Amino acid sequence: MTYIRELQPSEKLIPRLDGVIEIRSGTWKALCPAHDDRSPSLSIKEVDGGMLLIHCHAGCDTEEVVSALGLTLSDLFPLDPYIESAKRRRKPFKNYRLIVERARLSVTICAAYAGQIEKNWDAVSGLLDLDEQDLVIFKGVTEDLVRLLDD
């Protein structure tokens, strides 16, 4: 199984910005993409755990800034390893209504065949070496199929 390493928040954000100046490790200034910026007014700081704090000194809202870059606020936060492992362990959701709807055609065909088999039981039972108990079971299954179709 191959895992693709998820980009850290700074790896997603910094390359999308213009005029980036690294002040020190984990701290940058850049042109704000949310307004017509001529000198770097956007401050970016990576805090413990990899989360990014961003602030536009011209007053742009954080959501406006990340939206202008094609990102969302959640892109400022690293993935939580516990949540990600839980997502991988979780069983996929089954849409039982869809499963029943898809099975409806098959059940209809089976019920039609069952009707034909019951009409020709003497010939079928001789070929397959079936007795009266098998006929009772077959009729019960046929009735269940018809009931299922009617629901």
Protein backbone atom coordinates (compact mmCIF):
# COMPACT_ATOMS: atom_id res chain seq x y z
CA MET A 1 0.00 0.00 0.00
CA THR A 2 1.44 3.37 -1.00
CA TYR A 3 0.82 6.41 1.13
CA ILE A 4 1.13 9.89 -0.33
CA ARG A 5 2.46 12.31 2.23
CA GLU A 6 -0.02 15.09 2.94
CA LEU A 7 1.43 18.56 2.49
CA GLN A 8 1.93 20.59 5.62
CA PRO A 9 -0.06 23.85 5.86
CA SER A 10 3.02 25.97 5.10
CA GLU A 11 3.75 23.81 2.03
CA LYS A 12 0.23 24.50 0.76
CA LEU A 13 0.12 28.23 1.52
CA ILE A 14 3.58 29.74 0.97
CA PRO A 15 4.05 28.68 -2.69
CA ARG A 16 0.73 30.33 -3.61
CA LEU A 17 1.76 33.73 -2.26
CA ASP A 18 3.63 36.52 -4.04
CA GLY A 19 6.46 38.57 -2.57
CA VAL A 20 7.26 36.08 0.17
CA ILE A 21 10.03 37.08 2.56
CA GLU A 22 11.13 34.63 5.22
CA ILE A 23 11.75 36.62 8.41
CA ARG A 24 13.02 33.62 10.34
CA SER A 25 12.26 29.90 10.38
CA GLY A 26 8.49 29.51 10.47
CA THR A 27 7.70 33.22 10.00
CA TRP A 28 7.02 34.98 6.70
CA LYS A 29 5.67 38.20 5.22
CA ALA A 30 3.98 38.32 1.82
CA LEU A 31 1.71 40.35 -0.42
CA CYS A 32 -1.89 39.84 0.62
CA PRO A 33 -3.86 38.13 -2.18
CA ALA A 34 -7.18 39.47 -0.88
CA HIS A 35 -6.46 43.11 -1.77
CA ASP A 36 -4.24 45.13 -4.09
CA ASP A 37 -1.14 44.96 -1.92
CA ARG A 38 2.00 46.88 -2.90
CA SER A 39 4.13 46.07 0.10
CA PRO A 40 3.94 42.88 2.16
CA SER A 41 1.12 43.30 4.67
CA LEU A 42 0.38 39.62 5.28
CA SER A 43 2.10 38.00 8.24
CA ILE A 44 2.31 34.21 8.45
CA LYS A 45 3.55 32.30 11.48
CA GLU A 46 3.84 28.56 11.93
CA VAL A 47 3.14 27.58 15.53
CA ASP A 48 3.76 24.33 17.41
CA GLY A 49 2.09 21.41 15.68
CA GLY A 50 2.33 23.00 12.22
CA MET A 51 -0.76 25.22 12.41
CA LEU A 52 -0.50 28.54 10.55
CA LEU A 53 -1.58 31.88 11.91
CA ILE A 54 -2.09 34.55 9.27
CA HIS A 55 -2.88 38.22 9.68
CA CYS A 56 -3.38 40.94 7.09
CA HIS A 57 -2.28 44.27 8.56
CA ALA A 58 -4.55 46.05 6.04
CA GLY A 59 -7.59 44.40 7.62
CA CYS A 60 -8.50 41.57 5.27
CA ASP A 61 -10.38 38.72 6.89
CA THR A 62 -8.46 35.43 7.19
CA GLU A 63 -11.14 33.58 5.23
CA GLU A 64 -10.86 36.14 2.39
CA VAL A 65 -7.10 35.62 2.27
CA VAL A 66 -7.20 31.81 2.07
CA SER A 67 -10.16 31.91 -0.35
CA ALA A 68 -8.20 34.20 -2.68
CA LEU A 69 -5.53 31.47 -2.78
CA GLY A 70 -8.04 28.71 -3.55
CA LEU A 71 -7.72 27.26 -0.05
CA THR A 72 -10.00 26.92 2.97
CA LEU A 73 -9.46 27.65 6.64
CA SER A 74 -8.91 23.92 7.28
CA ASP A 75 -5.80 24.13 5.06
CA LEU A 76 -4.17 26.18 7.83
CA PHE A 77 -4.25 23.15 10.14
CA PRO A 78 -2.23 19.95 9.83
CA LEU A 79 -4.05 16.65 9.58
CA ASP A 80 -4.78 15.01 12.89
CA PRO A 81 -3.13 11.56 12.73
CA TYR A 82 -5.79 10.03 15.00
CA ILE A 83 -8.65 11.27 12.85
CA GLU A 84 -6.94 10.19 9.64
CA SER A 85 -6.26 6.67 10.98
CA ALA A 86 -9.89 6.45 12.16
CA LYS A 87 -11.07 7.39 8.66
CA ARG A 88 -8.97 4.57 7.17
CA ARG A 89 -10.29 2.05 9.74
CA ARG A 90 -13.94 3.04 9.35
CA LYS A 91 -16.13 0.66 7.40
CA PRO A 92 -17.64 2.19 4.29
CA PHE A 93 -21.23 3.37 4.59
CA LYS A 94 -23.73 1.03 2.94
CA ASN A 95 -26.81 2.48 1.34
CA TYR A 96 -29.26 -0.35 1.98
CA ARG A 97 -32.11 1.41 0.19
CA LEU A 98 -29.99 1.53 -2.99
CA ILE A 99 -29.01 -2.12 -2.56
CA VAL A 100 -32.69 -3.13 -2.34
CA GLU A 101 -33.59 -1.01 -5.36
CA ARG A 102 -30.81 -2.60 -7.39
CA ALA A 103 -31.93 -6.07 -6.27
CA ARG A 104 -35.57 -5.41 -7.23
CA LEU A 105 -34.99 -6.34 -10.91
CA SER A 106 -33.20 -9.56 -9.96
CA VAL A 107 -35.96 -10.48 -7.53
CA THR A 108 -38.59 -9.81 -10.22
CA ILE A 109 -36.79 -12.12 -12.63
CA CYS A 110 -36.43 -14.79 -9.93
CA ALA A 111 -40.13 -14.53 -9.09
CA ALA A 112 -41.04 -14.93 -12.76
CA TYR A 113 -38.85 -18.02 -13.05
CA ALA A 114 -40.28 -19.34 -9.79
CA GLY A 115 -43.78 -19.04 -11.21
CA GLN A 116 -42.78 -21.03 -14.28
CA ILE A 117 -41.02 -23.67 -12.21
CA GLU A 118 -44.05 -24.08 -9.96
CA LYS A 119 -46.35 -24.50 -12.99
CA ASN A 120 -44.03 -27.18 -14.36
CA TRP A 121 -43.16 -28.77 -11.02
CA ASP A 122 -43.72 -32.33 -12.15
CA ALA A 123 -41.15 -32.03 -14.95
CA VAL A 124 -38.66 -30.02 -12.84
CA SER A 125 -38.90 -32.30 -9.80
CA GLY A 126 -38.25 -35.38 -11.94
CA LEU A 127 -35.15 -33.83 -13.52
CA LEU A 128 -33.71 -32.61 -10.23
CA ASP A 129 -34.88 -35.51 -8.05
CA LEU A 130 -37.02 -33.27 -5.79
CA ASP A 131 -39.77 -34.45 -3.44
CA GLU A 132 -42.90 -32.90 -1.90
CA GLN A 133 -40.87 -31.33 0.96
CA ASP A 134 -38.79 -29.50 -1.65
CA LEU A 135 -42.03 -28.22 -3.21
CA VAL A 136 -43.16 -26.82 0.16
CA ILE A 137 -39.80 -25.07 0.63
CA PHE A 138 -39.88 -23.76 -2.95
CA LYS A 139 -43.39 -22.37 -2.53
CA GLY A 140 -42.34 -20.64 0.71
CA VAL A 141 -39.35 -19.00 -0.99
CA THR A 142 -41.54 -17.96 -3.91
CA GLU A 143 -44.07 -16.37 -1.54
CA ASP A 144 -41.23 -14.50 0.22
CA LEU A 145 -40.01 -13.17 -3.12
CA VAL A 146 -43.48 -11.97 -4.06
CA ARG A 147 -43.87 -10.30 -0.64
CA LEU A 148 -40.50 -8.60 -1.08
CA LEU A 149 -41.58 -7.25 -4.46
CA ASP A 150 -44.81 -5.91 -3.02
CA ASP A 151 -43.07 -3.98 -0.21
